[in-house]
Amino acid sequence: MENEIIKKLDEQKQTIERMAKDVEKTKKYFLWTMILTIAFLVLPLIAIAFVIPVFMNNYLGSISSLGL
């Protein structure tokens, strides 16, 4: 009876260790997903906020020089 309990505890320990490894992999996956989301979505939006005013200034300046 006691051997069965020890065997079950060892099995549970191995299962918990596998789960801990999987949790760490999942945490890393979510971290890199967040980093890539910021890099490919948020940073271009910030860049557009600076590029659009410059573009509009040049565009409207060229239209006003035509006398329209």
C-alpha atoms as a PDB file:
ATOM      1  CA  MET A   1       0.000   0.000   0.000  1.00  0.00           C
ATOM      2  CA  GLU A   2       2.775   2.394   0.940  1.00  0.00           C
ATOM      3  CA  ASN A   3       4.680   1.662  -2.273  1.00  0.00           C
ATOM      4  CA  GLU A   4       1.611   2.546  -4.324  1.00  0.00           C
ATOM      5  CA  ILE A   5       1.336   5.896  -2.583  1.00  0.00           C
ATOM      6  CA  ILE A   6       5.000   6.649  -3.229  1.00  0.00           C
ATOM      7  CA  LYS A   7       4.578   5.640  -6.881  1.00  0.00           C
ATOM      8  CA  LYS A   8       1.542   7.916  -7.235  1.00  0.00           C
ATOM      9  CA  LEU A   9       3.421  10.805  -5.607  1.00  0.00           C
ATOM     10  CA  ASP A  10       6.330  10.325  -8.022  1.00  0.00           C
ATOM     11  CA  GLU A  11       3.930  10.349 -10.973  1.00  0.00           C
ATOM     12  CA  GLN A  12       2.316  13.542  -9.682  1.00  0.00           C
ATOM     13  CA  LYS A  13       5.723  15.133  -9.211  1.00  0.00           C
ATOM     14  CA  GLN A  14       6.666  14.358 -12.818  1.00  0.00           C
ATOM     15  CA  THR A  15       3.346  15.700 -14.048  1.00  0.00           C
ATOM     16  CA  ILE A  16       3.777  18.921 -12.084  1.00  0.00           C
ATOM     17  CA  GLU A  17       7.301  19.369 -13.457  1.00  0.00           C
ATOM     18  CA  ARG A  18       6.033  18.937 -17.042  1.00  0.00           C
ATOM     19  CA  MET A  19       3.245  21.416 -16.366  1.00  0.00           C
ATOM     20  CA  ALA A  20       5.716  23.935 -14.944  1.00  0.00           C
ATOM     21  CA  LYS A  21       7.842  23.665 -18.109  1.00  0.00           C
ATOM     22  CA  ASP A  22       4.755  24.153 -20.259  1.00  0.00           C
ATOM     23  CA  VAL A  23       3.712  27.193 -18.231  1.00  0.00           C
ATOM     24  CA  GLU A  24       7.154  28.753 -18.714  1.00  0.00           C
ATOM     25  CA  LYS A  25       6.964  28.133 -22.471  1.00  0.00           C
ATOM     26  CA  THR A  26       3.512  29.716 -22.561  1.00  0.00           C
ATOM     27  CA  LYS A  27       4.718  32.757 -20.615  1.00  0.00           C
ATOM     28  CA  LYS A  28       7.585  33.234 -23.083  1.00  0.00           C
ATOM     29  CA  TYR A  29       5.176  32.845 -26.007  1.00  0.00           C
ATOM     30  CA  PHE A  30       2.866  35.539 -24.632  1.00  0.00           C
ATOM     31  CA  LEU A  31       5.819  37.838 -23.909  1.00  0.00           C
ATOM     32  CA  TRP A  32       7.113  37.589 -27.470  1.00  0.00           C
ATOM     33  CA  THR A  33       3.595  37.978 -28.846  1.00  0.00           C
ATOM     34  CA  MET A  34       3.236  41.230 -26.896  1.00  0.00           C
ATOM     35  CA  ILE A  35       6.657  42.480 -28.019  1.00  0.00           C
ATOM     36  CA  LEU A  36       5.905  41.732 -31.679  1.00  0.00           C
ATOM     37  CA  THR A  37       2.461  43.322 -31.408  1.00  0.00           C
ATOM     38  CA  ILE A  38       4.031  46.503 -30.087  1.00  0.00           C
ATOM     39  CA  ALA A  39       6.746  46.423 -32.739  1.00  0.00           C
ATOM     40  CA  PHE A  40       4.435  45.827 -35.707  1.00  0.00           C
ATOM     41  CA  LEU A  41       1.295  47.687 -34.646  1.00  0.00           C
ATOM     42  CA  VAL A  42       1.886  50.386 -32.069  1.00  0.00           C
ATOM     43  CA  LEU A  43       5.225  51.737 -33.323  1.00  0.00           C
ATOM     44  CA  PRO A  44       3.965  52.251 -36.905  1.00  0.00           C
ATOM     45  CA  LEU A  45       0.898  54.049 -35.541  1.00  0.00           C
ATOM     46  CA  ILE A  46       3.161  56.400 -33.595  1.00  0.00           C
ATOM     47  CA  ALA A  47       5.297  56.937 -36.706  1.00  0.00           C
ATOM     48  CA  ILE A  48       2.199  57.738 -38.771  1.00  0.00           C
ATOM     49  CA  ALA A  49       1.217  60.378 -36.218  1.00  0.00           C
ATOM     50  CA  PHE A  50       4.459  62.197 -37.058  1.00  0.00           C
ATOM     51  CA  VAL A  51       4.511  61.500 -40.812  1.00  0.00           C
ATOM     52  CA  ILE A  52       0.954  62.600 -41.669  1.00  0.00           C
ATOM     53  CA  PRO A  53       1.383  66.227 -40.506  1.00  0.00           C
ATOM     54  CA  VAL A  54       4.606  66.569 -42.515  1.00  0.00           C
ATOM     55  CA  PHE A  55       2.941  65.052 -45.580  1.00  0.00           C
ATOM     56  CA  MET A  56      -0.138  67.272 -45.226  1.00  0.00           C
ATOM     57  CA  ASN A  57       2.022  70.365 -44.826  1.00  0.00           C
ATOM     58  CA  ASN A  58       3.930  69.568 -48.028  1.00  0.00           C
ATOM     59  CA  TYR A  59       0.770  68.599 -49.907  1.00  0.00           C
ATOM     60  CA  LEU A  60      -1.205  71.677 -48.886  1.00  0.00           C
ATOM     61  CA  GLY A  61       1.829  73.879 -49.494  1.00  0.00           C
ATOM     62  CA  SER A  62       2.097  72.658 -53.067  1.00  0.00           C
ATOM     63  CA  ILE A  63      -1.642  73.160 -53.653  1.00  0.00           C
ATOM     64  CA  SER A  64      -1.543  76.704 -52.268  1.00  0.00           C
ATOM     65  CA  SER A  65       1.434  77.540 -54.485  1.00  0.00           C
ATOM     66  CA  LEU A  66      -0.688  76.599 -57.492  1.00  0.00           C
ATOM     67  CA  GLY A  67      -3.232  79.212 -56.447  1.00  0.00           C
ATOM     68  CA  LEU A  68      -6.077  76.782 -55.913  1.00  0.00           C
END
